[in-house]
Amino acid sequence: MPKLLEQILDIRSWGIHRLFSILDSEGVALFQVIVYFHTAAAGAYCAFIAGGAPATVADALGPGYNTAWLWLCMGTTICLAGKLLSSRPDKRKFWVHTTGLHLQLAGDFFALGAFASYVFSTLQEQTWGKAIIAAWVFAALAECAFFLCWRDIRRIRQAEKAVRQ
């Protein structure tokens, strides 16, 4: 029994060590996973449990856009699949790595569309003068997603340039 306990404790210390190494890397992967997972969960919740997009989005952008907005939210998970495929470029085949980079770009575009759509639909609300904090948060997330898209495009170009050399 003590050996089993040692193995469990070793797994725990590895997990904590890995978490701290991710936090210390100053990368965005952990934060993308957290935000995009919650965005996708919110989209799935609205689609399957709540019966549609929030009233702000539905009223401002019309019924035809509700489904598109929910798919934008749920589509952010594509970025997480891309992160898995593009990790370890030195150990993966080039096409797997670049496919992962393209999936990240697609997921970041989905996030940009979902966040910016929420902000634009909120701007059209009559209660804009009241305390609406979510629009500011979504505006910040949209800006971050825009810069992540820009970064993804640069990374794709760098990967293609590395192959040509």
N, C-alpha and C. Protein backbone atom coordinates (compact mmCIF):
# COMPACT_ATOMS: atom_id res chain seq x y z
N MET A 1 0.81 -1.20 0.00
CA MET A 1 0.00 0.00 0.00
C MET A 1 0.86 1.27 0.00
N PRO A 2 1.96 1.33 0.72
CA PRO A 2 2.77 2.55 0.69
C PRO A 2 3.30 2.87 -0.70
N LYS A 3 3.61 1.84 -1.51
CA LYS A 3 4.13 2.08 -2.85
C LYS A 3 3.05 2.74 -3.72
N LEU A 4 1.82 2.28 -3.59
CA LEU A 4 0.71 2.88 -4.33
C LEU A 4 0.53 4.34 -3.92
N LEU A 5 0.65 4.63 -2.64
CA LEU A 5 0.54 6.01 -2.16
C LEU A 5 1.66 6.87 -2.73
N GLU A 6 2.86 6.34 -2.81
CA GLU A 6 3.98 7.08 -3.39
C GLU A 6 3.71 7.41 -4.87
N GLN A 7 3.15 6.44 -5.60
CA GLN A 7 2.84 6.67 -7.01
C GLN A 7 1.78 7.75 -7.17
N ILE A 8 0.77 7.72 -6.33
CA ILE A 8 -0.28 8.75 -6.40
C ILE A 8 0.30 10.12 -6.09
N LEU A 9 1.13 10.22 -5.09
CA LEU A 9 1.73 11.51 -4.73
C LEU A 9 2.67 12.00 -5.84
N ASP A 10 3.35 11.05 -6.49
CA ASP A 10 4.23 11.43 -7.59
C ASP A 10 3.42 12.00 -8.76
N ILE A 11 2.28 11.42 -9.06
CA ILE A 11 1.42 11.93 -10.12
C ILE A 11 0.91 13.32 -9.77
N ARG A 12 0.54 13.52 -8.52
CA ARG A 12 0.07 14.85 -8.09
C ARG A 12 1.16 15.89 -8.22
N SER A 13 2.37 15.56 -7.81
CA SER A 13 3.45 16.55 -7.89
C SER A 13 3.78 16.86 -9.35
N TRP A 14 3.68 15.85 -10.23
CA TRP A 14 3.90 16.11 -11.65
C TRP A 14 2.85 17.07 -12.18
N GLY A 15 1.59 16.87 -11.80
CA GLY A 15 0.51 17.74 -12.26
C GLY A 15 0.70 19.18 -11.80
N ILE A 16 1.07 19.36 -10.56
CA ILE A 16 1.30 20.70 -10.04
C ILE A 16 2.52 21.32 -10.70
N HIS A 17 3.58 20.52 -10.89
CA HIS A 17 4.78 21.02 -11.56
C HIS A 17 4.45 21.46 -12.99
N ARG A 18 3.65 20.66 -13.68
CA ARG A 18 3.24 21.00 -15.06
C ARG A 18 2.40 22.27 -15.08
N LEU A 19 1.47 22.41 -14.14
CA LEU A 19 0.65 23.62 -14.05
C LEU A 19 1.53 24.85 -13.85
N PHE A 20 2.48 24.76 -12.92
CA PHE A 20 3.35 25.91 -12.68
C PHE A 20 4.23 26.22 -13.88
N SER A 21 4.67 25.19 -14.61
CA SER A 21 5.48 25.46 -15.79
C SER A 21 4.65 26.14 -16.88
N ILE A 22 3.37 25.78 -16.98
CA ILE A 22 2.49 26.44 -17.94
C ILE A 22 2.27 27.89 -17.53
N LEU A 23 2.02 28.11 -16.25
CA LEU A 23 1.82 29.49 -15.77
C LEU A 23 3.07 30.35 -15.95
N ASP A 24 4.24 29.76 -15.71
CA ASP A 24 5.48 30.50 -15.83
C ASP A 24 5.91 30.75 -17.27
N SER A 25 5.32 30.02 -18.23
CA SER A 25 5.73 30.16 -19.62
C SER A 25 5.27 31.47 -20.24
N GLU A 26 4.36 32.17 -19.61
CA GLU A 26 3.78 33.42 -20.11
C GLU A 26 3.06 33.22 -21.44
N GLY A 27 2.65 32.00 -21.71
CA GLY A 27 1.88 31.70 -22.91
C GLY A 27 0.40 31.94 -22.67
N VAL A 28 -0.38 31.80 -23.72
CA VAL A 28 -1.82 32.05 -23.62
C VAL A 28 -2.64 30.77 -23.63
N ALA A 29 -2.00 29.62 -23.75
CA ALA A 29 -2.72 28.36 -23.92
C ALA A 29 -3.68 28.09 -22.77
N LEU A 30 -3.23 28.22 -21.56
CA LEU A 30 -4.09 27.94 -20.41
C LEU A 30 -5.31 28.85 -20.40
N PHE A 31 -5.11 30.11 -20.70
CA PHE A 31 -6.20 31.07 -20.67
C PHE A 31 -7.16 30.85 -21.84
N GLN A 32 -6.63 30.45 -22.99
CA GLN A 32 -7.50 30.10 -24.12
C GLN A 32 -8.37 28.90 -23.77
N VAL A 33 -7.78 27.91 -23.15
CA VAL A 33 -8.54 26.72 -22.78
C VAL A 33 -9.67 27.11 -21.82
N ILE A 34 -9.38 27.92 -20.83
CA ILE A 34 -10.39 28.31 -19.85
C ILE A 34 -11.50 29.13 -20.51
N VAL A 35 -11.14 30.18 -21.22
CA VAL A 35 -12.15 31.07 -21.81
C VAL A 35 -12.92 30.37 -22.91
N TYR A 36 -12.24 29.66 -23.80
CA TYR A 36 -12.92 29.03 -24.93
C TYR A 36 -13.80 27.87 -24.47
N PHE A 37 -13.36 27.13 -23.48
CA PHE A 37 -14.21 26.05 -22.96
C PHE A 37 -15.49 26.63 -22.37
N HIS A 38 -15.37 27.70 -21.59
CA HIS A 38 -16.56 28.32 -21.01
C HIS A 38 -17.46 28.95 -22.08
N THR A 39 -16.86 29.52 -23.10
CA THR A 39 -17.65 30.08 -24.20
C THR A 39 -18.43 28.98 -24.92
N ALA A 40 -17.76 27.87 -25.19
CA ALA A 40 -18.43 26.75 -25.85
C ALA A 40 -19.53 26.16 -24.96
N ALA A 41 -19.25 26.06 -23.67
CA ALA A 41 -20.26 25.55 -22.74
C ALA A 41 -21.46 26.49 -22.69
N ALA A 42 -21.21 27.79 -22.71
CA ALA A 42 -22.30 28.76 -22.71
C ALA A 42 -23.13 28.65 -23.98
N GLY A 43 -22.46 28.48 -25.12
CA GLY A 43 -23.18 28.32 -26.38
C GLY A 43 -24.03 27.06 -26.38
N ALA A 44 -23.47 25.96 -25.87
CA ALA A 44 -24.23 24.70 -25.80
C ALA A 44 -25.40 24.84 -24.83
N TYR A 45 -25.17 25.52 -23.72
CA TYR A 45 -26.25 25.74 -22.75
C TYR A 45 -27.39 26.54 -23.40
N CYS A 46 -27.03 27.61 -24.08
CA CYS A 46 -28.06 28.43 -24.74
C CYS A 46 -28.79 27.64 -25.82
N ALA A 47 -28.06 26.83 -26.57
CA ALA A 47 -28.66 26.10 -27.68
C ALA A 47 -29.58 24.97 -27.22
N PHE A 48 -29.14 24.24 -26.21
CA PHE A 48 -29.86 23.01 -25.86
C PHE A 48 -30.71 23.11 -24.59
N ILE A 49 -30.41 24.04 -23.71
CA ILE A 49 -31.16 24.13 -22.46
C ILE A 49 -32.00 25.40 -22.39
N ALA A 50 -31.37 26.54 -22.67
CA ALA A 50 -32.07 27.82 -22.55
C ALA A 50 -32.96 28.12 -23.75
N GLY A 51 -32.79 27.42 -24.83
CA GLY A 51 -33.67 27.60 -25.98
C GLY A 51 -33.31 28.74 -26.90
N GLY A 52 -32.09 29.20 -26.90
CA GLY A 52 -31.67 30.24 -27.83
C GLY A 52 -30.64 31.18 -27.25
N ALA A 53 -30.25 32.12 -28.08
CA ALA A 53 -29.25 33.11 -27.69
C ALA A 53 -29.83 34.07 -26.65
N PRO A 54 -28.97 34.81 -25.94
CA PRO A 54 -29.47 35.80 -24.99
C PRO A 54 -30.36 36.83 -25.70
N ALA A 55 -31.28 37.40 -24.97
CA ALA A 55 -32.23 38.36 -25.55
C ALA A 55 -31.51 39.52 -26.23
N THR A 56 -30.40 39.95 -25.68
CA THR A 56 -29.65 41.06 -26.28
C THR A 56 -29.24 40.72 -27.71
N VAL A 57 -28.68 39.55 -27.90
CA VAL A 57 -28.23 39.13 -29.21
C VAL A 57 -29.43 38.85 -30.12
N ALA A 58 -30.41 38.14 -29.59
CA ALA A 58 -31.57 37.75 -30.40
C ALA A 58 -32.36 38.97 -30.88
N ASP A 59 -32.59 39.94 -30.00
CA ASP A 59 -33.37 41.12 -30.38
C ASP A 59 -32.62 42.03 -31.34
N ALA A 60 -31.33 42.22 -31.08
CA ALA A 60 -30.56 43.17 -31.89
C ALA A 60 -30.22 42.64 -33.27
N LEU A 61 -29.90 41.36 -33.36
CA LEU A 61 -29.42 40.83 -34.62
C LEU A 61 -30.44 40.00 -35.38
N GLY A 62 -31.57 39.72 -34.77
CA GLY A 62 -32.64 39.02 -35.46
C GLY A 62 -32.57 37.52 -35.31
N PRO A 63 -33.68 36.85 -35.60
CA PRO A 63 -33.77 35.41 -35.37
C PRO A 63 -32.83 34.58 -36.25
N GLY A 64 -32.51 35.06 -37.42
CA GLY A 64 -31.62 34.31 -38.31
C GLY A 64 -30.20 34.23 -37.80
N TYR A 65 -29.83 35.14 -36.95
CA TYR A 65 -28.46 35.18 -36.47
C TYR A 65 -28.26 34.37 -35.19
N ASN A 66 -29.34 34.03 -34.51
CA ASN A 66 -29.22 33.31 -33.23
C ASN A 66 -28.41 32.03 -33.36
N THR A 67 -28.75 31.22 -34.33
CA THR A 67 -28.05 29.95 -34.52
C THR A 67 -26.59 30.19 -34.89
N ALA A 68 -26.34 31.17 -35.74
CA ALA A 68 -24.96 31.47 -36.14
C ALA A 68 -24.14 31.88 -34.92
N TRP A 69 -24.73 32.70 -34.05
CA TRP A 69 -23.99 33.15 -32.86
C TRP A 69 -23.69 31.98 -31.94
N LEU A 70 -24.64 31.07 -31.77
CA LEU A 70 -24.41 29.90 -30.92
C LEU A 70 -23.33 29.00 -31.51
N TRP A 71 -23.28 28.85 -32.83
CA TRP A 71 -22.23 28.06 -33.47
C TRP A 71 -20.87 28.74 -33.33
N LEU A 72 -20.86 30.07 -33.36
CA LEU A 72 -19.59 30.79 -33.12
C LEU A 72 -19.08 30.47 -31.73
N CYS A 73 -19.97 30.48 -30.75
CA CYS A 73 -19.56 30.17 -29.38
C CYS A 73 -19.04 28.74 -29.26
N MET A 74 -19.80 27.79 -29.79
CA MET A 74 -19.39 26.39 -29.67
C MET A 74 -18.19 26.06 -30.55
N GLY A 75 -17.97 26.83 -31.61
CA GLY A 75 -16.85 26.59 -32.51
C GLY A 75 -15.49 26.92 -31.93
N THR A 76 -15.47 27.60 -30.80
CA THR A 76 -14.17 27.94 -30.19
C THR A 76 -13.39 26.70 -29.79
N THR A 77 -14.08 25.57 -29.63
CA THR A 77 -13.38 24.34 -29.24
C THR A 77 -12.44 23.86 -30.34
N ILE A 78 -12.65 24.32 -31.56
CA ILE A 78 -11.74 23.96 -32.66
C ILE A 78 -10.32 24.42 -32.34
N CYS A 79 -10.21 25.56 -31.68
CA CYS A 79 -8.89 26.09 -31.32
C CYS A 79 -8.18 25.13 -30.37
N LEU A 80 -8.91 24.54 -29.45
CA LEU A 80 -8.29 23.63 -28.49
C LEU A 80 -7.78 22.37 -29.18
N ALA A 81 -8.51 21.87 -30.17
CA ALA A 81 -8.03 20.73 -30.95
C ALA A 81 -6.76 21.13 -31.72
N GLY A 82 -6.74 22.34 -32.25
CA GLY A 82 -5.56 22.83 -32.95
C GLY A 82 -4.35 22.94 -32.05
N LYS A 83 -4.58 23.32 -30.80
CA LYS A 83 -3.47 23.42 -29.85
C LYS A 83 -2.83 22.05 -29.64
N LEU A 84 -3.66 21.02 -29.55
CA LEU A 84 -3.12 19.67 -29.37
C LEU A 84 -2.33 19.23 -30.59
N LEU A 85 -2.84 19.51 -31.78
CA LEU A 85 -2.16 19.08 -33.00
C LEU A 85 -0.87 19.84 -33.26
N SER A 86 -0.83 21.11 -32.88
CA SER A 86 0.35 21.92 -33.20
C SER A 86 1.39 21.92 -32.09
N SER A 87 1.13 21.24 -31.00
CA SER A 87 2.14 21.18 -29.95
C SER A 87 3.30 20.29 -30.41
N ARG A 88 4.45 20.57 -29.92
CA ARG A 88 5.67 19.83 -30.26
C ARG A 88 5.93 19.78 -31.76
N PRO A 89 6.19 20.93 -32.39
CA PRO A 89 6.42 20.92 -33.84
C PRO A 89 7.63 20.10 -34.26
N ASP A 90 8.59 19.92 -33.37
CA ASP A 90 9.78 19.15 -33.71
C ASP A 90 9.50 17.65 -33.74
N LYS A 91 8.45 17.19 -33.09
CA LYS A 91 8.15 15.76 -33.03
C LYS A 91 6.98 15.35 -33.93
N ARG A 92 6.29 16.30 -34.49
CA ARG A 92 5.12 15.99 -35.33
C ARG A 92 5.44 16.25 -36.79
N LYS A 93 4.68 15.59 -37.66
CA LYS A 93 4.84 15.83 -39.09
C LYS A 93 4.41 17.26 -39.39
N PHE A 94 4.98 17.82 -40.44
CA PHE A 94 4.71 19.22 -40.78
C PHE A 94 3.22 19.46 -41.02
N TRP A 95 2.56 18.56 -41.76
CA TRP A 95 1.16 18.80 -42.08
C TRP A 95 0.27 18.72 -40.85
N VAL A 96 0.65 17.90 -39.86
CA VAL A 96 -0.11 17.83 -38.61
C VAL A 96 0.05 19.14 -37.86
N HIS A 97 1.29 19.64 -37.81
CA HIS A 97 1.57 20.89 -37.12
C HIS A 97 0.82 22.06 -37.77
N THR A 98 0.90 22.17 -39.09
CA THR A 98 0.24 23.30 -39.76
C THR A 98 -1.28 23.16 -39.73
N THR A 99 -1.80 21.94 -39.77
CA THR A 99 -3.25 21.75 -39.62
C THR A 99 -3.68 22.25 -38.26
N GLY A 100 -2.89 21.96 -37.24
CA GLY A 100 -3.18 22.47 -35.91
C GLY A 100 -3.16 23.99 -35.85
N LEU A 101 -2.20 24.60 -36.55
CA LEU A 101 -2.14 26.07 -36.58
C LEU A 101 -3.36 26.65 -37.28
N HIS A 102 -3.79 26.01 -38.36
CA HIS A 102 -4.99 26.50 -39.06
C HIS A 102 -6.25 26.32 -38.21
N LEU A 103 -6.33 25.23 -37.46
CA LEU A 103 -7.47 25.03 -36.56
C LEU A 103 -7.48 26.07 -35.44
N GLN A 104 -6.28 26.41 -34.94
CA GLN A 104 -6.21 27.46 -33.93
C GLN A 104 -6.73 28.78 -34.49
N LEU A 105 -6.31 29.08 -35.70
CA LEU A 105 -6.76 30.31 -36.35
C LEU A 105 -8.28 30.31 -36.51
N ALA A 106 -8.83 29.18 -36.94
CA ALA A 106 -10.28 29.09 -37.11
C ALA A 106 -11.00 29.27 -35.77
N GLY A 107 -10.50 28.62 -34.73
CA GLY A 107 -11.10 28.77 -33.40
C GLY A 107 -11.02 30.18 -32.87
N ASP A 108 -9.88 30.84 -33.13
CA ASP A 108 -9.74 32.24 -32.70
C ASP A 108 -10.68 33.15 -33.48
N PHE A 109 -10.90 32.86 -34.76
CA PHE A 109 -11.88 33.64 -35.54
C PHE A 109 -13.29 33.42 -35.01
N PHE A 110 -13.61 32.18 -34.65
CA PHE A 110 -14.91 31.91 -34.04
C PHE A 110 -15.07 32.74 -32.76
N ALA A 111 -14.04 32.75 -31.93
CA ALA A 111 -14.11 33.51 -30.68
C ALA A 111 -14.26 35.00 -30.97
N LEU A 112 -13.48 35.51 -31.91
CA LEU A 112 -13.58 36.92 -32.27
C LEU A 112 -15.00 37.25 -32.72
N GLY A 113 -15.58 36.40 -33.56
CA GLY A 113 -16.95 36.63 -34.02
C GLY A 113 -17.97 36.59 -32.90
N ALA A 114 -17.83 35.63 -32.00
CA ALA A 114 -18.78 35.51 -30.89
C ALA A 114 -18.68 36.71 -29.95
N PHE A 115 -17.46 37.08 -29.60
CA PHE A 115 -17.29 38.19 -28.65
C PHE A 115 -17.70 39.52 -29.27
N ALA A 116 -17.25 39.77 -30.49
CA ALA A 116 -17.58 41.05 -31.15
C ALA A 116 -19.08 41.15 -31.43
N SER A 117 -19.71 40.05 -31.79
CA SER A 117 -21.16 40.06 -32.03
C SER A 117 -21.92 40.44 -30.78
N TYR A 118 -21.49 39.93 -29.66
CA TYR A 118 -22.16 40.27 -28.40
C TYR A 118 -22.01 41.76 -28.11
N VAL A 119 -20.81 42.29 -28.33
CA VAL A 119 -20.59 43.72 -28.08
C VAL A 119 -21.44 44.56 -29.01
N PHE A 120 -21.44 44.24 -30.31
CA PHE A 120 -22.22 45.02 -31.27
C PHE A 120 -23.72 44.94 -31.00
N SER A 121 -24.17 43.76 -30.59
CA SER A 121 -25.60 43.65 -30.29
C SER A 121 -25.95 44.42 -29.02
N THR A 122 -25.04 44.45 -28.06
CA THR A 122 -25.29 45.21 -26.84
C THR A 122 -25.26 46.70 -27.11
N LEU A 123 -24.43 47.14 -28.05
CA LEU A 123 -24.39 48.56 -28.39
C LEU A 123 -25.72 49.05 -28.95
N GLN A 124 -26.49 48.15 -29.53
CA GLN A 124 -27.78 48.52 -30.11
C GLN A 124 -28.91 48.53 -29.08
N GLU A 125 -28.65 48.05 -27.89
CA GLU A 125 -29.67 48.02 -26.85
C GLU A 125 -30.01 49.42 -26.38
N GLN A 126 -31.23 49.61 -25.97
CA GLN A 126 -31.67 50.92 -25.47
C GLN A 126 -31.12 51.20 -24.08
N THR A 127 -30.73 50.17 -23.36
CA THR A 127 -30.24 50.36 -21.99
C THR A 127 -28.73 50.59 -21.94
N TRP A 128 -28.14 51.01 -23.04
CA TRP A 128 -26.68 51.17 -23.09
C TRP A 128 -26.17 52.14 -22.04
N GLY A 129 -26.93 53.14 -21.70
CA GLY A 129 -26.48 54.12 -20.71
C GLY A 129 -26.45 53.57 -19.30
N LYS A 130 -27.08 52.45 -19.07
CA LYS A 130 -27.07 51.85 -17.74
C LYS A 130 -25.79 51.03 -17.55
N ALA A 131 -25.62 50.51 -16.37
CA ALA A 131 -24.39 49.77 -16.04
C ALA A 131 -24.38 48.41 -16.74
N ILE A 132 -23.73 48.34 -17.86
CA ILE A 132 -23.59 47.07 -18.60
C ILE A 132 -22.11 46.72 -18.59
N ILE A 133 -21.75 45.82 -17.72
CA ILE A 133 -20.33 45.47 -17.60
C ILE A 133 -19.92 44.37 -18.57
N ALA A 134 -20.84 43.50 -18.92
CA ALA A 134 -20.49 42.36 -19.79
C ALA A 134 -19.97 42.83 -21.14
N ALA A 135 -20.51 43.92 -21.66
CA ALA A 135 -20.05 44.42 -22.96
C ALA A 135 -18.58 44.81 -22.90
N TRP A 136 -18.14 45.37 -21.81
CA TRP A 136 -16.73 45.76 -21.68
C TRP A 136 -15.84 44.53 -21.61
N VAL A 137 -16.28 43.53 -20.89
CA VAL A 137 -15.51 42.30 -20.78
C VAL A 137 -15.42 41.61 -22.14
N PHE A 138 -16.56 41.53 -22.83
CA PHE A 138 -16.56 40.89 -24.15
C PHE A 138 -15.75 41.71 -25.16
N ALA A 139 -15.74 43.02 -25.02
CA ALA A 139 -14.91 43.85 -25.90
C ALA A 139 -13.43 43.52 -25.68
N ALA A 140 -13.03 43.35 -24.43
CA ALA A 140 -11.64 42.98 -24.14
C ALA A 140 -11.32 41.60 -24.69
N LEU A 141 -12.25 40.66 -24.54
CA LEU A 141 -12.03 39.32 -25.07
C LEU A 141 -11.96 39.34 -26.60
N ALA A 142 -12.77 40.19 -27.24
CA ALA A 142 -12.72 40.31 -28.70
C ALA A 142 -11.38 40.87 -29.15
N GLU A 143 -10.88 41.85 -28.43
CA GLU A 143 -9.56 42.40 -28.77
C GLU A 143 -8.48 41.34 -28.62
N CYS A 144 -8.54 40.57 -27.55
CA CYS A 144 -7.55 39.50 -27.35
C CYS A 144 -7.65 38.46 -28.47
N ALA A 145 -8.87 38.10 -28.85
CA ALA A 145 -9.05 37.13 -29.93
C ALA A 145 -8.52 37.67 -31.25
N PHE A 146 -8.70 38.98 -31.49
CA PHE A 146 -8.15 39.58 -32.71
C PHE A 146 -6.63 39.43 -32.74
N PHE A 147 -5.97 39.74 -31.63
CA PHE A 147 -4.51 39.63 -31.60
C PHE A 147 -4.05 38.18 -31.65
N LEU A 148 -4.86 37.26 -31.13
CA LEU A 148 -4.52 35.84 -31.27
C LEU A 148 -4.63 35.41 -32.72
N CYS A 149 -5.63 35.91 -33.44
CA CYS A 149 -5.74 35.62 -34.88
C CYS A 149 -4.52 36.14 -35.62
N TRP A 150 -4.11 37.34 -35.30
CA TRP A 150 -2.95 37.94 -35.92
C TRP A 150 -1.71 37.10 -35.62
N ARG A 151 -1.57 36.66 -34.38
CA ARG A 151 -0.45 35.80 -34.00
C ARG A 151 -0.49 34.48 -34.76
N ASP A 152 -1.69 33.90 -34.89
CA ASP A 152 -1.82 32.62 -35.61
C ASP A 152 -1.39 32.76 -37.06
N ILE A 153 -1.79 33.84 -37.70
CA ILE A 153 -1.39 34.07 -39.10
C ILE A 153 0.12 34.18 -39.20
N ARG A 154 0.74 34.88 -38.28
CA ARG A 154 2.20 35.01 -38.27
C ARG A 154 2.87 33.65 -38.06
N ARG A 155 2.32 32.83 -37.16
CA ARG A 155 2.90 31.52 -36.90
C ARG A 155 2.77 30.60 -38.11
N ILE A 156 1.66 30.69 -38.82
CA ILE A 156 1.49 29.88 -40.03
C ILE A 156 2.52 30.29 -41.08
N ARG A 157 2.72 31.58 -41.23
CA ARG A 157 3.72 32.07 -42.19
C ARG A 157 5.12 31.63 -41.80
N GLN A 158 5.44 31.68 -40.51
CA GLN A 158 6.76 31.25 -40.05
C GLN A 158 6.96 29.76 -40.31
N ALA A 159 5.93 28.96 -40.08
CA ALA A 159 6.03 27.52 -40.32
C ALA A 159 6.25 27.23 -41.81
N GLU A 160 5.54 27.94 -42.66
CA GLU A 160 5.70 27.74 -44.09
C GLU A 160 7.09 28.20 -44.56
N LYS A 161 7.57 29.29 -43.98
CA LYS A 161 8.90 29.79 -44.33
C LYS A 161 9.97 28.80 -43.89
N ALA A 162 9.80 28.18 -42.75
CA ALA A 162 10.78 27.20 -42.25
C ALA A 162 10.87 25.99 -43.17
N VAL A 163 9.77 25.60 -43.77
CA VAL A 163 9.79 24.46 -44.68
C VAL A 163 10.49 24.80 -45.99
N ARG A 164 10.28 26.02 -46.46
CA ARG A 164 10.88 26.44 -47.74
C ARG A 164 12.39 26.55 -47.64
N GLN A 165 12.94 26.80 -46.48
CA GLN A 165 14.39 27.00 -46.34
C GLN A 165 15.14 25.72 -46.35
